[in-house]
Amino acid sequence: MEAGQLSTIFEIAFPLFLIMDPLGNLPVCLSMLREYSPSRQRKILLRELFFALGIIILFMYLGAGLMKMLNIHQSTLRIAGGVILFIISMKMIFPKPESSADDSEKDPFIVPIAVPLFAGPSLLAAVMVYGSKGDAGINVLSGVLIAWAMSFIIMMTGPTMARILGKRGLRACERLMGLILILLSVQMLEDGIAYYITNILPR
């Protein structure tokens, strides 16, 4: 592999890693999984990370065509992601009392860890833009895999960090990340509305 190609791959991987934001998502994910054992947490995170990777690759190759076929605009994607994140953040700040729900009800399946925390609107939009460039397929795929692998390493060490922080530490992180997610969700909504006004709304 040539040096120029490696440089291109890392130029793609680095912003994708920042958009994935594993360091920011870690406290959020652990707070959602706080009732599980560390081994169970790793299994769930591993599953969700692979779901996210599959969705990212799917959107990289098919996203632009699928959205065009269904007449779905980027503004819709951003607004929907913002609404989902807002609902999640409100539940984190104002959690319901402990209930006796079984694991199948508590286990977050695809939503919200895989989507929209990892494979969020910004990331999906980014990979669709990268993937739309005809001869960049292998470079984009390599960049996605590198960014995902770095996120994978960080998330797999999460349960160990949870044991150091303890329940109170995780609870504090949960409230803090809930507040931050509210800001992110509102920003995502604003971006979606602004994109609709400037690019889609008839003049």
C-alpha atoms as a PDB file:
ATOM      1  CA  MET A   1       0.000   0.000   0.000  1.00  0.00           C
ATOM      2  CA  GLU A   2       1.417   3.369  -1.041  1.00  0.00           C
ATOM      3  CA  ALA A   3       2.144   6.182   1.383  1.00  0.00           C
ATOM      4  CA  GLY A   4      -0.366   8.440  -0.366  1.00  0.00           C
ATOM      5  CA  GLN A   5      -3.109   5.855   0.022  1.00  0.00           C
ATOM      6  CA  LEU A   6      -2.286   5.369   3.713  1.00  0.00           C
ATOM      7  CA  SER A   7      -2.457   9.115   4.215  1.00  0.00           C
ATOM      8  CA  THR A   8      -5.867   9.223   2.527  1.00  0.00           C
ATOM      9  CA  ILE A   9      -7.159   6.372   4.692  1.00  0.00           C
ATOM     10  CA  PHE A  10      -6.091   8.060   7.922  1.00  0.00           C
ATOM     11  CA  GLU A  11      -7.514  11.372   6.721  1.00  0.00           C
ATOM     12  CA  ILE A  12     -10.846   9.578   6.449  1.00  0.00           C
ATOM     13  CA  ALA A  13     -10.493   7.497   9.634  1.00  0.00           C
ATOM     14  CA  PHE A  14      -9.620  10.339  11.992  1.00  0.00           C
ATOM     15  CA  PRO A  15     -12.739  12.495  11.481  1.00  0.00           C
ATOM     16  CA  LEU A  16     -14.932   9.377  11.507  1.00  0.00           C
ATOM     17  CA  PHE A  17     -13.404   8.373  14.849  1.00  0.00           C
ATOM     18  CA  LEU A  18     -14.129  11.837  16.235  1.00  0.00           C
ATOM     19  CA  ILE A  19     -17.720  11.640  15.007  1.00  0.00           C
ATOM     20  CA  MET A  20     -18.155   8.186  16.586  1.00  0.00           C
ATOM     21  CA  ASP A  21     -16.987   9.762  19.848  1.00  0.00           C
ATOM     22  CA  PRO A  22     -16.353   6.555  21.840  1.00  0.00           C
ATOM     23  CA  LEU A  23     -14.965   8.495  24.815  1.00  0.00           C
ATOM     24  CA  GLY A  24     -18.126  10.559  24.980  1.00  0.00           C
ATOM     25  CA  ASN A  25     -20.423   7.589  24.368  1.00  0.00           C
ATOM     26  CA  LEU A  26     -18.747   5.318  26.927  1.00  0.00           C
ATOM     27  CA  PRO A  27     -20.397   6.789  30.068  1.00  0.00           C
ATOM     28  CA  VAL A  28     -23.747   6.867  28.259  1.00  0.00           C
ATOM     29  CA  CYS A  29     -23.532   3.200  27.263  1.00  0.00           C
ATOM     30  CA  LEU A  30     -22.332   2.078  30.683  1.00  0.00           C
ATOM     31  CA  SER A  31     -25.136   3.953  32.417  1.00  0.00           C
ATOM     32  CA  MET A  32     -27.657   2.156  30.188  1.00  0.00           C
ATOM     33  CA  LEU A  33     -26.029  -1.199  31.020  1.00  0.00           C
ATOM     34  CA  ARG A  34     -25.311  -0.557  34.698  1.00  0.00           C
ATOM     35  CA  GLU A  35     -27.581  -3.412  35.846  1.00  0.00           C
ATOM     36  CA  TYR A  36     -25.567  -6.028  33.943  1.00  0.00           C
ATOM     37  CA  SER A  37     -22.344  -7.748  34.912  1.00  0.00           C
ATOM     38  CA  PRO A  38     -19.109  -6.575  33.206  1.00  0.00           C
ATOM     39  CA  SER A  39     -18.996  -9.688  31.009  1.00  0.00           C
ATOM     40  CA  ARG A  40     -22.599  -9.174  29.912  1.00  0.00           C
ATOM     41  CA  GLN A  41     -21.882  -5.489  29.257  1.00  0.00           C
ATOM     42  CA  ARG A  42     -19.002  -6.425  26.949  1.00  0.00           C
ATOM     43  CA  LYS A  43     -21.196  -8.893  25.042  1.00  0.00           C
ATOM     44  CA  ILE A  44     -23.922  -6.294  24.524  1.00  0.00           C
ATOM     45  CA  LEU A  45     -21.415  -3.612  23.504  1.00  0.00           C
ATOM     46  CA  LEU A  46     -19.722  -6.044  21.112  1.00  0.00           C
ATOM     47  CA  ARG A  47     -23.058  -6.897  19.509  1.00  0.00           C
ATOM     48  CA  GLU A  48     -24.072  -3.246  19.198  1.00  0.00           C
ATOM     49  CA  LEU A  49     -20.688  -2.255  17.757  1.00  0.00           C
ATOM     50  CA  PHE A  50     -21.034  -4.896  15.035  1.00  0.00           C
ATOM     51  CA  PHE A  51     -24.585  -3.735  14.309  1.00  0.00           C
ATOM     52  CA  ALA A  52     -23.272  -0.176  14.010  1.00  0.00           C
ATOM     53  CA  LEU A  53     -20.473  -1.294  11.681  1.00  0.00           C
ATOM     54  CA  GLY A  54     -22.943  -3.119   9.448  1.00  0.00           C
ATOM     55  CA  ILE A  55     -25.230  -0.088   9.278  1.00  0.00           C
ATOM     56  CA  ILE A  56     -22.298   2.238   8.538  1.00  0.00           C
ATOM     57  CA  ILE A  57     -21.060   0.024   5.676  1.00  0.00           C
ATOM     58  CA  LEU A  58     -24.611  -0.354   4.356  1.00  0.00           C
ATOM     59  CA  PHE A  59     -25.085   3.407   4.258  1.00  0.00           C
ATOM     60  CA  MET A  60     -21.654   3.893   2.732  1.00  0.00           C
ATOM     61  CA  TYR A  61     -22.626   1.818  -0.301  1.00  0.00           C
ATOM     62  CA  LEU A  62     -26.406   2.155  -0.484  1.00  0.00           C
ATOM     63  CA  GLY A  63     -27.401   5.131   1.674  1.00  0.00           C
ATOM     64  CA  ALA A  64     -27.428   7.887  -0.915  1.00  0.00           C
ATOM     65  CA  GLY A  65     -29.383   5.799  -3.425  1.00  0.00           C
ATOM     66  CA  LEU A  66     -31.823   4.541  -0.775  1.00  0.00           C
ATOM     67  CA  MET A  67     -32.550   8.018   0.572  1.00  0.00           C
ATOM     68  CA  LYS A  68     -33.071   9.310  -2.970  1.00  0.00           C
ATOM     69  CA  MET A  69     -35.390   6.422  -3.779  1.00  0.00           C
ATOM     70  CA  LEU A  70     -37.467   6.993  -0.626  1.00  0.00           C
ATOM     71  CA  ASN A  71     -37.255  10.777  -1.019  1.00  0.00           C
ATOM     72  CA  ILE A  72     -35.663  11.151   2.429  1.00  0.00           C
ATOM     73  CA  HIS A  73     -33.536  14.252   2.879  1.00  0.00           C
ATOM     74  CA  GLN A  74     -30.504  14.706   5.132  1.00  0.00           C
ATOM     75  CA  SER A  75     -32.574  17.156   7.170  1.00  0.00           C
ATOM     76  CA  THR A  76     -35.028  14.347   7.980  1.00  0.00           C
ATOM     77  CA  LEU A  77     -32.177  12.097   9.098  1.00  0.00           C
ATOM     78  CA  ARG A  78     -30.744  14.773  11.392  1.00  0.00           C
ATOM     79  CA  ILE A  79     -34.081  15.795  12.883  1.00  0.00           C
ATOM     80  CA  ALA A  80     -35.075  12.180  13.574  1.00  0.00           C
ATOM     81  CA  GLY A  81     -31.722  11.518  15.240  1.00  0.00           C
ATOM     82  CA  GLY A  82     -32.124  14.639  17.362  1.00  0.00           C
ATOM     83  CA  VAL A  83     -35.585  13.579  18.557  1.00  0.00           C
ATOM     84  CA  ILE A  84     -34.334  10.108  19.519  1.00  0.00           C
ATOM     85  CA  LEU A  85     -31.338  11.515  21.395  1.00  0.00           C
ATOM     86  CA  PHE A  86     -33.566  14.018  23.223  1.00  0.00           C
ATOM     87  CA  ILE A  87     -35.873  11.251  24.454  1.00  0.00           C
ATOM     88  CA  ILE A  88     -32.873   9.196  25.587  1.00  0.00           C
ATOM     89  CA  SER A  89     -31.299  12.136  27.411  1.00  0.00           C
ATOM     90  CA  MET A  90     -34.528  12.944  29.285  1.00  0.00           C
ATOM     91  CA  LYS A  91     -34.712   9.351  30.497  1.00  0.00           C
ATOM     92  CA  MET A  92     -31.120   9.557  31.691  1.00  0.00           C
ATOM     93  CA  ILE A  93     -31.699  12.756  33.663  1.00  0.00           C
ATOM     94  CA  PHE A  94     -35.078  11.666  35.025  1.00  0.00           C
ATOM     95  CA  PRO A  95     -34.846   7.870  35.283  1.00  0.00           C
ATOM     96  CA  LYS A  96     -37.890   5.802  36.130  1.00  0.00           C
ATOM     97  CA  PRO A  97     -37.972   3.889  39.440  1.00  0.00           C
ATOM     98  CA  GLU A  98     -36.390   0.457  39.374  1.00  0.00           C
ATOM     99  CA  SER A  99     -38.792  -2.088  37.916  1.00  0.00           C
ATOM    100  CA  SER A 100     -38.865  -5.849  37.576  1.00  0.00           C
ATOM    101  CA  ALA A 101     -38.729  -5.841  33.807  1.00  0.00           C
ATOM    102  CA  ASP A 102     -36.891  -8.778  32.320  1.00  0.00           C
ATOM    103  CA  ASP A 103     -33.599  -8.570  30.458  1.00  0.00           C
ATOM    104  CA  SER A 104     -35.242  -8.674  27.052  1.00  0.00           C
ATOM    105  CA  GLU A 105     -37.026  -5.383  27.872  1.00  0.00           C
ATOM    106  CA  LYS A 106     -33.965  -3.699  29.348  1.00  0.00           C
ATOM    107  CA  ASP A 107     -31.429  -4.921  26.825  1.00  0.00           C
ATOM    108  CA  PRO A 108     -30.856  -2.112  24.296  1.00  0.00           C
ATOM    109  CA  PHE A 109     -31.123  -3.811  20.901  1.00  0.00           C
ATOM    110  CA  ILE A 110     -29.730  -1.697  18.035  1.00  0.00           C
ATOM    111  CA  VAL A 111     -31.405   1.446  19.443  1.00  0.00           C
ATOM    112  CA  PRO A 112     -29.982   3.518  21.075  1.00  0.00           C
ATOM    113  CA  ILE A 113     -26.359   2.288  21.288  1.00  0.00           C
ATOM    114  CA  ALA A 114     -25.763   1.149  17.711  1.00  0.00           C
ATOM    115  CA  VAL A 115     -28.086   3.866  16.368  1.00  0.00           C
ATOM    116  CA  PRO A 116     -27.877   6.794  16.939  1.00  0.00           C
ATOM    117  CA  LEU A 117     -24.940   6.860  19.385  1.00  0.00           C
ATOM    118  CA  PHE A 118     -22.365   5.213  17.109  1.00  0.00           C
ATOM    119  CA  ALA A 119     -24.013   5.123  13.694  1.00  0.00           C
ATOM    120  CA  GLY A 120     -25.592   8.541  14.114  1.00  0.00           C
ATOM    121  CA  PRO A 121     -26.882  10.959  11.458  1.00  0.00           C
ATOM    122  CA  SER A 122     -23.592  12.871  11.255  1.00  0.00           C
ATOM    123  CA  LEU A 123     -21.553   9.712  10.762  1.00  0.00           C
ATOM    124  CA  LEU A 124     -23.961   8.232   8.228  1.00  0.00           C
ATOM    125  CA  ALA A 125     -23.990  11.488   6.296  1.00  0.00           C
ATOM    126  CA  ALA A 126     -20.170  11.561   6.350  1.00  0.00           C
ATOM    127  CA  VAL A 127     -19.745   8.009   5.048  1.00  0.00           C
ATOM    128  CA  MET A 128     -22.341   8.629   2.343  1.00  0.00           C
ATOM    129  CA  VAL A 129     -20.370  11.647   1.183  1.00  0.00           C
ATOM    130  CA  TYR A 130     -17.096   9.690   1.220  1.00  0.00           C
ATOM    131  CA  GLY A 131     -18.727   6.684  -0.444  1.00  0.00           C
ATOM    132  CA  SER A 132     -20.208   8.764  -3.244  1.00  0.00           C
ATOM    133  CA  LYS A 133     -16.721   9.328  -4.658  1.00  0.00           C
ATOM    134  CA  GLY A 134     -16.356   6.685  -7.315  1.00  0.00           C
ATOM    135  CA  ASP A 135     -12.758   5.488  -6.878  1.00  0.00           C
ATOM    136  CA  ALA A 136     -12.544   5.893  -3.086  1.00  0.00           C
ATOM    137  CA  GLY A 137     -14.331   2.676  -2.078  1.00  0.00           C
ATOM    138  CA  ILE A 138     -11.405   0.751  -0.568  1.00  0.00           C
ATOM    139  CA  ASN A 139     -10.008   3.852   1.125  1.00  0.00           C
ATOM    140  CA  VAL A 140     -13.338   4.724   2.721  1.00  0.00           C
ATOM    141  CA  LEU A 141     -13.915   1.145   3.859  1.00  0.00           C
ATOM    142  CA  SER A 142     -10.420   1.006   5.377  1.00  0.00           C
ATOM    143  CA  GLY A 143     -11.000   4.333   7.112  1.00  0.00           C
ATOM    144  CA  VAL A 144     -14.308   3.122   8.533  1.00  0.00           C
ATOM    145  CA  LEU A 145     -12.723  -0.091   9.823  1.00  0.00           C
ATOM    146  CA  ILE A 146      -9.828   1.764  11.481  1.00  0.00           C
ATOM    147  CA  ALA A 147     -12.157   4.248  13.186  1.00  0.00           C
ATOM    148  CA  TRP A 148     -14.423   1.398  14.294  1.00  0.00           C
ATOM    149  CA  ALA A 149     -11.493  -0.650  15.633  1.00  0.00           C
ATOM    150  CA  MET A 150     -10.281   2.278  17.743  1.00  0.00           C
ATOM    151  CA  SER A 151     -13.785   2.743  19.132  1.00  0.00           C
ATOM    152  CA  PHE A 152     -14.019  -1.001  19.758  1.00  0.00           C
ATOM    153  CA  ILE A 153     -10.869  -0.999  21.907  1.00  0.00           C
ATOM    154  CA  ILE A 154     -12.122   1.909  24.010  1.00  0.00           C
ATOM    155  CA  MET A 155     -15.580   0.419  24.540  1.00  0.00           C
ATOM    156  CA  MET A 156     -14.280  -3.014  25.507  1.00  0.00           C
ATOM    157  CA  THR A 157     -12.275  -1.479  28.358  1.00  0.00           C
ATOM    158  CA  GLY A 158     -15.393   0.346  29.582  1.00  0.00           C
ATOM    159  CA  PRO A 159     -16.629  -2.196  32.160  1.00  0.00           C
ATOM    160  CA  THR A 160     -13.202  -2.168  33.822  1.00  0.00           C
ATOM    161  CA  MET A 161     -13.414   1.593  34.123  1.00  0.00           C
ATOM    162  CA  ALA A 162     -16.905   1.182  35.585  1.00  0.00           C
ATOM    163  CA  ARG A 163     -15.565  -0.905  38.452  1.00  0.00           C
ATOM    164  CA  ILE A 164     -13.137   1.887  39.275  1.00  0.00           C
ATOM    165  CA  LEU A 165     -15.824   4.584  39.187  1.00  0.00           C
ATOM    166  CA  GLY A 166     -18.449   2.607  41.091  1.00  0.00           C
ATOM    167  CA  LYS A 167     -22.229   3.092  41.046  1.00  0.00           C
ATOM    168  CA  ARG A 168     -22.120   6.683  42.262  1.00  0.00           C
ATOM    169  CA  GLY A 169     -19.520   7.621  39.688  1.00  0.00           C
ATOM    170  CA  LEU A 170     -21.572   6.083  36.907  1.00  0.00           C
ATOM    171  CA  ARG A 171     -24.713   7.792  38.190  1.00  0.00           C
ATOM    172  CA  ALA A 172     -22.930  11.137  38.104  1.00  0.00           C
ATOM    173  CA  CYS A 173     -21.664  10.401  34.577  1.00  0.00           C
ATOM    174  CA  GLU A 174     -25.188   9.429  33.544  1.00  0.00           C
ATOM    175  CA  ARG A 175     -26.659  12.769  34.670  1.00  0.00           C
ATOM    176  CA  LEU A 176     -23.801  14.717  33.137  1.00  0.00           C
ATOM    177  CA  MET A 177     -23.983  12.886  29.819  1.00  0.00           C
ATOM    178  CA  GLY A 178     -27.757  13.321  29.840  1.00  0.00           C
ATOM    179  CA  LEU A 179     -27.280  17.080  30.009  1.00  0.00           C
ATOM    180  CA  ILE A 180     -24.687  16.967  27.231  1.00  0.00           C
ATOM    181  CA  LEU A 181     -26.943  14.763  25.092  1.00  0.00           C
ATOM    182  CA  ILE A 182     -29.760  17.290  25.435  1.00  0.00           C
ATOM    183  CA  LEU A 183     -27.439  19.921  23.974  1.00  0.00           C
ATOM    184  CA  LEU A 184     -26.346  17.563  21.198  1.00  0.00           C
ATOM    185  CA  SER A 185     -29.928  16.592  20.382  1.00  0.00           C
ATOM    186  CA  VAL A 186     -31.040  20.232  20.173  1.00  0.00           C
ATOM    187  CA  GLN A 187     -28.009  21.025  18.004  1.00  0.00           C
ATOM    188  CA  MET A 188     -28.890  18.102  15.744  1.00  0.00           C
ATOM    189  CA  LEU A 189     -32.456  19.380  15.455  1.00  0.00           C
ATOM    190  CA  GLU A 190     -31.203  22.891  14.669  1.00  0.00           C
ATOM    191  CA  ASP A 191     -28.854  21.520  11.996  1.00  0.00           C
ATOM    192  CA  GLY A 192     -31.672  19.544  10.422  1.00  0.00           C
ATOM    193  CA  ILE A 193     -34.009  22.533  10.376  1.00  0.00           C
ATOM    194  CA  ALA A 194     -31.287  24.843   9.046  1.00  0.00           C
ATOM    195  CA  TYR A 195     -30.400  22.334   6.319  1.00  0.00           C
ATOM    196  CA  TYR A 196     -34.082  22.076   5.335  1.00  0.00           C
ATOM    197  CA  ILE A 197     -34.500  25.862   5.173  1.00  0.00           C
ATOM    198  CA  THR A 198     -31.317  26.530   3.198  1.00  0.00           C
ATOM    199  CA  ASN A 199     -31.277  23.527   0.853  1.00  0.00           C
ATOM    200  CA  ILE A 200     -34.772  22.064   0.507  1.00  0.00           C
ATOM    201  CA  LEU A 201     -37.436  24.657   1.320  1.00  0.00           C
ATOM    202  CA  PRO A 202     -38.677  26.288  -1.913  1.00  0.00           C
ATOM    203  CA  ARG A 203     -37.771  29.956  -2.266  1.00  0.00           C
END
